Amino acid sequence: MIDFVQIVGAFLVLFAIIDITGSIPIFLSLKHSGNKFNPLFAALISLLIFVIFFFLGDAALKLFGVDIQSFAVAGSIVLFIMAFEMILGVEIFKNDPAGGGSTVVPIAFPLIAGPGALTTIISLRAEYADINILIALLVNIVIDYLVLRYIDRLERLLGGTLISILRKFFGVVLLAIGVKLFTTNLGSLIQDLNL
């Protein structure tokens, strides 16, 4: 049954975890380094990843012989690379126009549908009705699409100097998130090996 309070609750949790506004400097950094991305395709791929995880969860990863901790560690490595690009001003993700550029990696995964957001959407099922979580997810994806679609306008609104400062700052934040994801999940993997 549709419950507005549950939708708002699930929306706020997902919005905080996905943190699309915090990723604006990252998207701009990718754009300025010549990487192309398709906002609609990125949003649809993200939605598909979320829906697969929502309904299949661990089973989807087990199909490939991967657990959620290994998935999170892999995602954290991508975050490390992106953070170094932003902080040091180097290009590691090369532009690949034929392959869709940065649309799938790193935008759809791990920036929008990252390990933290994927595990969150599974855990939300314990608190909220499925229909309310899916509506909240859809609203978040629409917002993600709008941010990506109007990234040029956001850039003009924020200004070049502020964007440059934000890019460095969020590069450090992204590195910290990557370190946390890496250490937390690597610790779990090492514990599992010792058992």
N, C-alpha and C. Protein backbone atom coordinates (compact mmCIF):
# COMPACT_ATOMS: atom_id res chain seq x y z
N MET A 1 0.84 -1.20 0.00
CA MET A 1 0.00 0.00 0.00
C MET A 1 0.88 1.26 0.00
N ILE A 2 0.50 2.23 -0.81
CA ILE A 2 1.29 3.45 -0.92
C ILE A 2 1.12 4.30 0.34
N ASP A 3 2.26 4.67 0.92
CA ASP A 3 2.29 5.45 2.16
C ASP A 3 3.25 6.61 1.96
N PHE A 4 2.71 7.85 1.96
CA PHE A 4 3.51 9.04 1.70
C PHE A 4 4.66 9.20 2.70
N VAL A 5 4.40 8.90 3.96
CA VAL A 5 5.44 9.02 5.00
C VAL A 5 6.59 8.06 4.71
N GLN A 6 6.27 6.83 4.32
CA GLN A 6 7.31 5.84 3.97
C GLN A 6 8.09 6.29 2.74
N ILE A 7 7.38 6.84 1.75
CA ILE A 7 8.05 7.30 0.52
C ILE A 7 9.05 8.40 0.86
N VAL A 8 8.63 9.37 1.67
CA VAL A 8 9.52 10.48 2.06
C VAL A 8 10.71 9.95 2.85
N GLY A 9 10.46 9.02 3.79
CA GLY A 9 11.54 8.43 4.59
C GLY A 9 12.56 7.71 3.72
N ALA A 10 12.07 6.85 2.83
CA ALA A 10 12.96 6.10 1.94
C ALA A 10 13.69 7.04 0.98
N PHE A 11 12.97 8.07 0.49
CA PHE A 11 13.59 9.05 -0.42
C PHE A 11 14.76 9.75 0.25
N LEU A 12 14.55 10.23 1.47
CA LEU A 12 15.60 10.97 2.18
C LEU A 12 16.83 10.12 2.44
N VAL A 13 16.61 8.85 2.82
CA VAL A 13 17.74 7.94 3.06
C VAL A 13 18.53 7.74 1.77
N LEU A 14 17.82 7.44 0.68
CA LEU A 14 18.50 7.20 -0.60
C LEU A 14 19.17 8.46 -1.14
N PHE A 15 18.51 9.62 -0.97
CA PHE A 15 19.09 10.88 -1.44
C PHE A 15 20.40 11.18 -0.72
N ALA A 16 20.42 10.92 0.58
CA ALA A 16 21.63 11.16 1.37
C ALA A 16 22.75 10.22 0.97
N ILE A 17 22.41 8.95 0.71
CA ILE A 17 23.43 7.96 0.35
C ILE A 17 23.96 8.18 -1.06
N ILE A 18 23.04 8.42 -2.01
CA ILE A 18 23.47 8.66 -3.41
C ILE A 18 24.25 9.98 -3.50
N ASP A 19 23.79 11.02 -2.77
CA ASP A 19 24.45 12.32 -2.69
C ASP A 19 24.80 12.88 -4.07
N ILE A 20 23.76 13.02 -4.91
CA ILE A 20 23.97 13.51 -6.27
C ILE A 20 24.50 14.94 -6.29
N THR A 21 24.07 15.77 -5.33
CA THR A 21 24.57 17.15 -5.30
C THR A 21 26.05 17.20 -4.96
N GLY A 22 26.50 16.30 -4.10
CA GLY A 22 27.92 16.23 -3.76
C GLY A 22 28.77 15.72 -4.90
N SER A 23 28.12 15.05 -5.87
CA SER A 23 28.86 14.51 -7.01
C SER A 23 28.98 15.49 -8.17
N ILE A 24 28.33 16.66 -8.06
CA ILE A 24 28.39 17.63 -9.17
C ILE A 24 29.82 17.97 -9.57
N PRO A 25 30.73 18.26 -8.61
CA PRO A 25 32.12 18.54 -9.02
C PRO A 25 32.78 17.36 -9.74
N ILE A 26 32.38 16.14 -9.38
CA ILE A 26 32.95 14.95 -10.02
C ILE A 26 32.48 14.89 -11.47
N PHE A 27 31.17 15.12 -11.69
CA PHE A 27 30.64 15.11 -13.06
C PHE A 27 31.31 16.18 -13.90
N LEU A 28 31.51 17.36 -13.32
CA LEU A 28 32.16 18.45 -14.04
C LEU A 28 33.62 18.12 -14.34
N SER A 29 34.27 17.46 -13.39
CA SER A 29 35.66 17.04 -13.59
C SER A 29 35.76 16.07 -14.77
N LEU A 30 34.82 15.12 -14.84
CA LEU A 30 34.80 14.17 -15.96
C LEU A 30 34.54 14.89 -17.28
N LYS A 31 33.60 15.83 -17.25
CA LYS A 31 33.25 16.58 -18.46
C LYS A 31 34.44 17.39 -18.97
N HIS A 32 35.16 18.06 -18.05
CA HIS A 32 36.29 18.90 -18.45
C HIS A 32 37.49 18.09 -18.93
N SER A 33 37.55 16.82 -18.51
CA SER A 33 38.65 15.99 -18.98
C SER A 33 38.31 15.32 -20.32
N GLY A 34 37.17 15.70 -20.90
CA GLY A 34 36.81 15.22 -22.24
C GLY A 34 35.93 13.98 -22.25
N ASN A 35 35.52 13.51 -21.09
CA ASN A 35 34.66 12.33 -21.04
C ASN A 35 33.22 12.70 -21.36
N LYS A 36 32.64 11.94 -22.28
CA LYS A 36 31.24 12.17 -22.66
C LYS A 36 30.35 11.26 -21.82
N PHE A 37 29.13 11.74 -21.53
CA PHE A 37 28.17 10.86 -20.87
C PHE A 37 26.75 11.22 -21.31
N ASN A 38 25.90 10.20 -21.29
CA ASN A 38 24.51 10.34 -21.69
C ASN A 38 23.66 10.34 -20.43
N PRO A 39 23.07 11.48 -20.03
CA PRO A 39 22.32 11.56 -18.78
C PRO A 39 21.18 10.56 -18.67
N LEU A 40 20.39 10.40 -19.74
CA LEU A 40 19.25 9.48 -19.70
C LEU A 40 19.72 8.04 -19.56
N PHE A 41 20.74 7.67 -20.33
CA PHE A 41 21.26 6.30 -20.28
C PHE A 41 21.86 6.01 -18.90
N ALA A 42 22.58 6.99 -18.35
CA ALA A 42 23.18 6.82 -17.02
C ALA A 42 22.09 6.60 -15.98
N ALA A 43 21.00 7.39 -16.06
CA ALA A 43 19.89 7.26 -15.11
C ALA A 43 19.21 5.90 -15.27
N LEU A 44 18.98 5.47 -16.51
CA LEU A 44 18.31 4.19 -16.75
C LEU A 44 19.16 3.01 -16.30
N ILE A 45 20.48 3.07 -16.56
CA ILE A 45 21.38 1.99 -16.12
C ILE A 45 21.41 1.93 -14.60
N SER A 46 21.47 3.10 -13.97
CA SER A 46 21.44 3.15 -12.49
C SER A 46 20.16 2.54 -11.96
N LEU A 47 19.03 2.91 -12.55
CA LEU A 47 17.74 2.37 -12.12
C LEU A 47 17.71 0.86 -12.28
N LEU A 48 18.23 0.37 -13.40
CA LEU A 48 18.27 -1.08 -13.65
C LEU A 48 19.11 -1.78 -12.59
N ILE A 49 20.28 -1.23 -12.27
CA ILE A 49 21.15 -1.82 -11.24
C ILE A 49 20.43 -1.86 -9.90
N PHE A 50 19.78 -0.74 -9.54
CA PHE A 50 19.04 -0.68 -8.28
C PHE A 50 17.92 -1.71 -8.22
N VAL A 51 17.15 -1.82 -9.30
CA VAL A 51 16.00 -2.74 -9.32
C VAL A 51 16.48 -4.20 -9.22
N ILE A 52 17.57 -4.52 -9.93
CA ILE A 52 18.13 -5.88 -9.84
C ILE A 52 18.53 -6.18 -8.41
N PHE A 53 19.24 -5.23 -7.79
CA PHE A 53 19.66 -5.44 -6.40
C PHE A 53 18.49 -5.47 -5.44
N PHE A 54 17.47 -4.67 -5.73
CA PHE A 54 16.30 -4.62 -4.86
C PHE A 54 15.61 -5.97 -4.80
N PHE A 55 15.44 -6.59 -5.96
CA PHE A 55 14.71 -7.86 -6.00
C PHE A 55 15.59 -9.09 -5.82
N LEU A 56 16.83 -9.00 -6.25
CA LEU A 56 17.69 -10.19 -6.19
C LEU A 56 18.77 -10.11 -5.13
N GLY A 57 19.21 -8.87 -4.80
CA GLY A 57 20.18 -8.70 -3.73
C GLY A 57 21.43 -9.53 -3.90
N ASP A 58 21.76 -10.27 -2.83
CA ASP A 58 22.97 -11.10 -2.83
C ASP A 58 22.97 -12.15 -3.94
N ALA A 59 21.78 -12.62 -4.32
CA ALA A 59 21.69 -13.66 -5.35
C ALA A 59 22.28 -13.19 -6.68
N ALA A 60 22.10 -11.89 -7.01
CA ALA A 60 22.65 -11.35 -8.26
C ALA A 60 24.16 -11.43 -8.28
N LEU A 61 24.78 -11.13 -7.14
CA LEU A 61 26.24 -11.19 -7.06
C LEU A 61 26.73 -12.64 -7.02
N LYS A 62 25.99 -13.48 -6.30
CA LYS A 62 26.38 -14.90 -6.19
C LYS A 62 26.36 -15.58 -7.55
N LEU A 63 25.49 -15.09 -8.44
CA LEU A 63 25.43 -15.61 -9.81
C LEU A 63 26.79 -15.49 -10.49
N PHE A 64 27.51 -14.42 -10.15
CA PHE A 64 28.85 -14.19 -10.71
C PHE A 64 29.96 -14.62 -9.75
N GLY A 65 29.55 -15.25 -8.66
CA GLY A 65 30.54 -15.71 -7.68
C GLY A 65 31.17 -14.59 -6.89
N VAL A 66 30.42 -13.50 -6.69
CA VAL A 66 30.93 -12.33 -5.98
C VAL A 66 30.03 -12.04 -4.78
N ASP A 67 30.64 -11.69 -3.63
CA ASP A 67 29.83 -11.29 -2.48
C ASP A 67 29.79 -9.77 -2.39
N ILE A 68 28.92 -9.26 -1.53
CA ILE A 68 28.71 -7.81 -1.43
C ILE A 68 29.97 -7.08 -0.96
N GLN A 69 30.78 -7.74 -0.11
CA GLN A 69 32.02 -7.11 0.37
C GLN A 69 33.02 -6.93 -0.77
N SER A 70 33.17 -7.97 -1.60
CA SER A 70 34.09 -7.87 -2.75
C SER A 70 33.62 -6.80 -3.72
N PHE A 71 32.31 -6.72 -3.90
CA PHE A 71 31.70 -5.72 -4.78
C PHE A 71 32.00 -4.31 -4.26
N ALA A 72 31.88 -4.14 -2.96
CA ALA A 72 32.14 -2.84 -2.34
C ALA A 72 33.62 -2.46 -2.45
N VAL A 73 34.52 -3.43 -2.28
CA VAL A 73 35.96 -3.18 -2.41
C VAL A 73 36.28 -2.75 -3.84
N ALA A 74 35.68 -3.43 -4.83
CA ALA A 74 35.91 -3.07 -6.24
C ALA A 74 35.40 -1.65 -6.51
N GLY A 75 34.23 -1.32 -5.97
CA GLY A 75 33.69 0.03 -6.14
C GLY A 75 34.58 1.08 -5.49
N SER A 76 35.17 0.73 -4.34
CA SER A 76 36.04 1.69 -3.64
C SER A 76 37.29 1.99 -4.44
N ILE A 77 37.79 1.02 -5.18
CA ILE A 77 38.99 1.24 -6.01
C ILE A 77 38.69 2.23 -7.13
N VAL A 78 37.48 2.11 -7.73
CA VAL A 78 37.06 3.08 -8.76
C VAL A 78 36.98 4.47 -8.13
N LEU A 79 36.45 4.56 -6.90
CA LEU A 79 36.36 5.84 -6.21
C LEU A 79 37.74 6.43 -5.94
N PHE A 80 38.72 5.57 -5.55
CA PHE A 80 40.10 6.03 -5.33
C PHE A 80 40.63 6.72 -6.59
N ILE A 81 40.46 6.05 -7.73
CA ILE A 81 40.99 6.55 -9.00
C ILE A 81 40.38 7.91 -9.33
N MET A 82 39.04 8.01 -9.16
CA MET A 82 38.36 9.27 -9.45
C MET A 82 38.82 10.38 -8.52
N ALA A 83 39.01 10.04 -7.24
CA ALA A 83 39.45 11.03 -6.26
C ALA A 83 40.84 11.57 -6.62
N PHE A 84 41.75 10.67 -7.03
CA PHE A 84 43.10 11.10 -7.42
C PHE A 84 43.05 12.01 -8.64
N GLU A 85 42.15 11.71 -9.58
CA GLU A 85 41.98 12.58 -10.75
C GLU A 85 41.59 13.99 -10.33
N MET A 86 40.64 14.07 -9.41
CA MET A 86 40.13 15.36 -8.98
C MET A 86 41.15 16.15 -8.16
N ILE A 87 41.86 15.47 -7.27
CA ILE A 87 42.80 16.15 -6.38
C ILE A 87 44.07 16.57 -7.13
N LEU A 88 44.59 15.67 -7.96
CA LEU A 88 45.88 15.91 -8.62
C LEU A 88 45.75 16.50 -10.02
N GLY A 89 44.52 16.53 -10.56
CA GLY A 89 44.32 17.08 -11.89
C GLY A 89 44.91 16.22 -12.99
N VAL A 90 44.91 14.90 -12.78
CA VAL A 90 45.41 13.98 -13.80
C VAL A 90 44.24 13.25 -14.45
N GLU A 91 44.47 12.67 -15.63
CA GLU A 91 43.42 11.93 -16.33
C GLU A 91 43.76 10.45 -16.33
N ILE A 92 42.90 9.66 -15.69
CA ILE A 92 43.08 8.21 -15.66
C ILE A 92 41.97 7.54 -16.47
N PHE A 93 40.70 8.00 -16.27
CA PHE A 93 39.60 7.51 -17.08
C PHE A 93 39.69 8.18 -18.44
N LYS A 94 40.11 7.44 -19.45
CA LYS A 94 40.29 7.99 -20.78
C LYS A 94 38.94 8.12 -21.48
N ASN A 95 38.83 9.13 -22.33
CA ASN A 95 37.60 9.33 -23.09
C ASN A 95 37.45 8.24 -24.13
N ASP A 96 36.26 7.62 -24.15
CA ASP A 96 35.97 6.55 -25.09
C ASP A 96 34.61 6.82 -25.73
N PRO A 97 34.57 7.72 -26.74
CA PRO A 97 33.29 8.10 -27.32
C PRO A 97 32.50 6.92 -27.87
N ALA A 98 33.19 5.97 -28.48
CA ALA A 98 32.50 4.81 -29.06
C ALA A 98 31.86 3.95 -27.99
N GLY A 99 32.47 3.91 -26.81
CA GLY A 99 31.96 3.07 -25.74
C GLY A 99 31.06 3.80 -24.77
N GLY A 100 30.64 5.01 -25.10
CA GLY A 100 29.72 5.74 -24.24
C GLY A 100 30.41 6.56 -23.18
N GLY A 101 31.76 6.68 -23.28
CA GLY A 101 32.49 7.52 -22.34
C GLY A 101 32.34 7.05 -20.91
N SER A 102 31.93 7.98 -20.03
CA SER A 102 31.83 7.72 -18.60
C SER A 102 30.42 7.35 -18.15
N THR A 103 29.52 7.11 -19.08
CA THR A 103 28.12 6.90 -18.73
C THR A 103 27.92 5.78 -17.73
N VAL A 104 28.49 4.60 -18.02
CA VAL A 104 28.27 3.45 -17.14
C VAL A 104 29.23 3.49 -15.96
N VAL A 105 30.55 3.53 -16.25
CA VAL A 105 31.57 3.65 -15.20
C VAL A 105 32.33 4.93 -15.48
N PRO A 106 32.39 5.85 -14.55
CA PRO A 106 32.00 5.73 -13.14
C PRO A 106 30.65 6.35 -12.77
N ILE A 107 29.87 6.89 -13.76
CA ILE A 107 28.66 7.62 -13.37
C ILE A 107 27.56 6.71 -12.84
N ALA A 108 27.08 5.77 -13.68
CA ALA A 108 26.01 4.88 -13.21
C ALA A 108 26.48 4.06 -12.01
N PHE A 109 27.69 3.50 -12.14
CA PHE A 109 28.34 2.79 -11.02
C PHE A 109 29.79 3.24 -10.97
N PRO A 110 30.30 3.71 -9.83
CA PRO A 110 29.70 3.67 -8.50
C PRO A 110 29.12 5.00 -8.00
N LEU A 111 29.03 6.05 -8.85
CA LEU A 111 28.59 7.35 -8.34
C LEU A 111 27.11 7.37 -7.97
N ILE A 112 26.24 6.86 -8.84
CA ILE A 112 24.81 6.84 -8.51
C ILE A 112 24.46 5.54 -7.80
N ALA A 113 24.63 4.43 -8.49
CA ALA A 113 24.33 3.13 -7.89
C ALA A 113 25.60 2.55 -7.30
N GLY A 114 26.07 3.16 -6.23
CA GLY A 114 27.30 2.70 -5.56
C GLY A 114 27.02 1.60 -4.56
N PRO A 115 28.07 0.96 -4.06
CA PRO A 115 27.90 -0.14 -3.09
C PRO A 115 27.08 0.26 -1.86
N GLY A 116 27.32 1.48 -1.35
CA GLY A 116 26.57 1.94 -0.18
C GLY A 116 25.08 2.06 -0.48
N ALA A 117 24.75 2.65 -1.63
CA ALA A 117 23.35 2.82 -2.01
C ALA A 117 22.68 1.48 -2.30
N LEU A 118 23.43 0.55 -2.90
CA LEU A 118 22.87 -0.76 -3.21
C LEU A 118 22.57 -1.57 -1.95
N THR A 119 23.48 -1.53 -1.00
CA THR A 119 23.21 -2.25 0.25
C THR A 119 22.10 -1.56 1.03
N THR A 120 22.01 -0.23 0.93
CA THR A 120 20.94 0.50 1.61
C THR A 120 19.58 0.11 1.07
N ILE A 121 19.47 0.00 -0.26
CA ILE A 121 18.15 -0.30 -0.85
C ILE A 121 17.68 -1.70 -0.44
N ILE A 122 18.62 -2.61 -0.23
CA ILE A 122 18.24 -3.95 0.25
C ILE A 122 17.77 -3.86 1.70
N SER A 123 18.50 -3.11 2.51
CA SER A 123 18.15 -3.02 3.93
C SER A 123 16.85 -2.26 4.17
N LEU A 124 16.47 -1.35 3.27
CA LEU A 124 15.22 -0.60 3.41
C LEU A 124 13.99 -1.51 3.38
N ARG A 125 14.15 -2.68 2.76
CA ARG A 125 13.01 -3.61 2.65
C ARG A 125 12.54 -4.11 4.01
N ALA A 126 13.41 -4.02 5.01
CA ALA A 126 13.04 -4.45 6.36
C ALA A 126 12.13 -3.43 7.04
N GLU A 127 12.15 -2.17 6.56
CA GLU A 127 11.39 -1.10 7.22
C GLU A 127 10.21 -0.59 6.42
N TYR A 128 10.31 -0.63 5.09
CA TYR A 128 9.28 -0.01 4.25
C TYR A 128 8.69 -1.02 3.27
N ALA A 129 7.46 -0.72 2.81
CA ALA A 129 6.82 -1.54 1.79
C ALA A 129 7.56 -1.37 0.46
N ASP A 130 7.63 -2.45 -0.31
CA ASP A 130 8.36 -2.43 -1.57
C ASP A 130 7.93 -1.30 -2.50
N ILE A 131 6.62 -1.09 -2.64
CA ILE A 131 6.11 -0.07 -3.55
C ILE A 131 6.59 1.32 -3.15
N ASN A 132 6.67 1.59 -1.85
CA ASN A 132 7.10 2.91 -1.37
C ASN A 132 8.59 3.13 -1.62
N ILE A 133 9.39 2.08 -1.46
CA ILE A 133 10.84 2.17 -1.74
C ILE A 133 11.06 2.42 -3.23
N LEU A 134 10.31 1.71 -4.07
CA LEU A 134 10.48 1.85 -5.52
C LEU A 134 10.08 3.25 -6.00
N ILE A 135 9.02 3.81 -5.42
CA ILE A 135 8.62 5.19 -5.77
C ILE A 135 9.71 6.17 -5.33
N ALA A 136 10.22 5.99 -4.12
CA ALA A 136 11.30 6.86 -3.61
C ALA A 136 12.54 6.75 -4.49
N LEU A 137 12.85 5.53 -4.93
CA LEU A 137 14.00 5.31 -5.82
C LEU A 137 13.79 6.02 -7.15
N LEU A 138 12.60 5.90 -7.71
CA LEU A 138 12.30 6.52 -9.00
C LEU A 138 12.43 8.04 -8.92
N VAL A 139 11.95 8.64 -7.84
CA VAL A 139 12.07 10.10 -7.66
C VAL A 139 13.56 10.49 -7.58
N ASN A 140 14.35 9.70 -6.86
CA ASN A 140 15.80 9.97 -6.78
C ASN A 140 16.46 9.88 -8.14
N ILE A 141 16.09 8.88 -8.94
CA ILE A 141 16.69 8.71 -10.27
C ILE A 141 16.32 9.88 -11.18
N VAL A 142 15.08 10.38 -11.07
CA VAL A 142 14.66 11.55 -11.86
C VAL A 142 15.53 12.77 -11.49
N ILE A 143 15.78 12.95 -10.19
CA ILE A 143 16.63 14.06 -9.74
C ILE A 143 18.06 13.88 -10.28
N ASP A 144 18.56 12.65 -10.22
CA ASP A 144 19.90 12.35 -10.74
C ASP A 144 19.99 12.71 -12.22
N TYR A 145 18.95 12.32 -12.97
CA TYR A 145 18.91 12.62 -14.41
C TYR A 145 18.94 14.13 -14.64
N LEU A 146 18.12 14.88 -13.88
CA LEU A 146 18.05 16.33 -14.05
C LEU A 146 19.39 17.01 -13.75
N VAL A 147 20.09 16.53 -12.72
CA VAL A 147 21.41 17.09 -12.40
C VAL A 147 22.38 16.83 -13.55
N LEU A 148 22.39 15.61 -14.08
CA LEU A 148 23.28 15.28 -15.19
C LEU A 148 22.90 16.03 -16.47
N ARG A 149 21.59 16.14 -16.69
CA ARG A 149 21.09 16.79 -17.91
C ARG A 149 21.44 18.27 -17.95
N TYR A 150 21.37 18.92 -16.78
CA TYR A 150 21.59 20.36 -16.72
C TYR A 150 22.91 20.72 -16.03
N ILE A 151 23.90 19.86 -16.18
CA ILE A 151 25.20 20.06 -15.54
C ILE A 151 25.87 21.35 -16.03
N ASP A 152 25.67 21.70 -17.32
CA ASP A 152 26.26 22.93 -17.86
C ASP A 152 25.67 24.16 -17.20
N ARG A 153 24.36 24.15 -16.98
CA ARG A 153 23.71 25.28 -16.32
C ARG A 153 24.16 25.39 -14.87
N LEU A 154 24.30 24.25 -14.22
CA LEU A 154 24.79 24.25 -12.83
C LEU A 154 26.20 24.81 -12.76
N GLU A 155 27.00 24.48 -13.78
CA GLU A 155 28.38 24.99 -13.83
C GLU A 155 28.38 26.51 -13.95
N ARG A 156 27.53 27.05 -14.83
CA ARG A 156 27.45 28.51 -15.00
C ARG A 156 26.96 29.17 -13.72
N LEU A 157 26.02 28.52 -13.06
CA LEU A 157 25.45 29.06 -11.82
C LEU A 157 26.49 29.12 -10.71
N LEU A 158 27.32 28.06 -10.62
CA LEU A 158 28.31 27.98 -9.55
C LEU A 158 29.56 28.81 -9.84
N GLY A 159 29.96 28.90 -11.12
CA GLY A 159 31.16 29.66 -11.48
C GLY A 159 32.43 28.80 -11.44
N GLY A 160 33.39 29.16 -12.27
CA GLY A 160 34.61 28.37 -12.45
C GLY A 160 35.47 28.22 -11.21
N THR A 161 35.70 29.32 -10.48
CA THR A 161 36.56 29.29 -9.29
C THR A 161 35.97 28.40 -8.20
N LEU A 162 34.68 28.60 -7.96
CA LEU A 162 34.00 27.80 -6.93
C LEU A 162 34.02 26.32 -7.30
N ILE A 163 33.82 26.03 -8.58
CA ILE A 163 33.83 24.63 -9.04
C ILE A 163 35.21 24.02 -8.83
N SER A 164 36.26 24.78 -9.12
CA SER A 164 37.63 24.29 -8.94
C SER A 164 37.90 23.96 -7.47
N ILE A 165 37.45 24.84 -6.57
CA ILE A 165 37.62 24.59 -5.13
C ILE A 165 36.81 23.37 -4.71
N LEU A 166 35.55 23.31 -5.16
CA LEU A 166 34.68 22.19 -4.82
C LEU A 166 35.23 20.86 -5.35
N ARG A 167 35.83 20.91 -6.56
CA ARG A 167 36.38 19.69 -7.16
C ARG A 167 37.48 19.10 -6.27
N LYS A 168 38.38 19.96 -5.78
CA LYS A 168 39.46 19.49 -4.90
C LYS A 168 38.90 18.99 -3.57
N PHE A 169 37.96 19.76 -3.01
CA PHE A 169 37.37 19.39 -1.72
C PHE A 169 36.64 18.05 -1.81
N PHE A 170 35.79 17.92 -2.84
CA PHE A 170 35.04 16.68 -2.97
C PHE A 170 35.92 15.52 -3.43
N GLY A 171 37.06 15.83 -4.03
CA GLY A 171 38.03 14.77 -4.33
C GLY A 171 38.54 14.14 -3.05
N VAL A 172 38.82 14.98 -2.05
CA VAL A 172 39.27 14.48 -0.74
C VAL A 172 38.14 13.71 -0.05
N VAL A 173 36.91 14.27 -0.13
CA VAL A 173 35.74 13.58 0.46
C VAL A 173 35.55 12.22 -0.20
N LEU A 174 35.64 12.20 -1.53
CA LEU A 174 35.47 10.95 -2.28
C LEU A 174 36.55 9.94 -1.89
N LEU A 175 37.77 10.41 -1.71
CA LEU A 175 38.86 9.53 -1.29
C LEU A 175 38.56 8.96 0.10
N ALA A 176 38.04 9.80 0.99
CA ALA A 176 37.69 9.33 2.34
C ALA A 176 36.59 8.28 2.30
N ILE A 177 35.58 8.50 1.44
CA ILE A 177 34.49 7.51 1.29
C ILE A 177 35.06 6.20 0.75
N GLY A 178 35.95 6.32 -0.24
CA GLY A 178 36.58 5.13 -0.81
C GLY A 178 37.39 4.36 0.23
N VAL A 179 38.15 5.09 1.06
CA VAL A 179 38.95 4.46 2.12
C VAL A 179 38.04 3.73 3.11
N LYS A 180 36.95 4.40 3.49
CA LYS A 180 36.02 3.78 4.45
C LYS A 180 35.39 2.51 3.87
N LEU A 181 34.93 2.61 2.62
CA LEU A 181 34.36 1.43 1.95
C LEU A 181 35.38 0.30 1.86
N PHE A 182 36.61 0.66 1.49
CA PHE A 182 37.67 -0.33 1.31
C PHE A 182 38.01 -1.02 2.63
N THR A 183 38.27 -0.23 3.68
CA THR A 183 38.71 -0.82 4.95
C THR A 183 37.61 -1.64 5.62
N THR A 184 36.39 -1.11 5.60
CA THR A 184 35.26 -1.82 6.23
C THR A 184 35.04 -3.17 5.57
N ASN A 185 34.98 -3.16 4.25
CA ASN A 185 34.64 -4.39 3.53
C ASN A 185 35.83 -5.33 3.39
N LEU A 186 37.05 -4.78 3.32
CA LEU A 186 38.23 -5.65 3.29
C LEU A 186 38.37 -6.37 4.62
N GLY A 187 38.07 -5.64 5.72
CA GLY A 187 38.10 -6.26 7.05
C GLY A 187 37.14 -7.44 7.14
N SER A 188 35.93 -7.27 6.59
CA SER A 188 34.94 -8.36 6.58
C SER A 188 35.42 -9.54 5.75
N LEU A 189 36.05 -9.24 4.61
CA LEU A 189 36.57 -10.32 3.75
C LEU A 189 37.67 -11.10 4.46
N ILE A 190 38.58 -10.38 5.15
CA ILE A 190 39.68 -11.04 5.87
C ILE A 190 39.12 -11.89 7.01
N GLN A 191 38.10 -11.39 7.71
CA GLN A 191 37.46 -12.17 8.77
C GLN A 191 36.85 -13.45 8.23
N ASP A 192 36.19 -13.34 7.08
CA ASP A 192 35.58 -14.52 6.44
C ASP A 192 36.62 -15.55 6.06
N LEU A 193 37.80 -15.09 5.62
CA LEU A 193 38.88 -16.02 5.24
C LEU A 193 39.46 -16.73 6.45
N ASN A 194 39.47 -16.02 7.60
CA ASN A 194 40.04 -16.61 8.82
C ASN A 194 39.13 -17.61 9.50
N LEU A 195 37.84 -17.60 9.11
CA LEU A 195 36.88 -18.52 9.75
C LEU A 195 37.04 -19.94 9.22
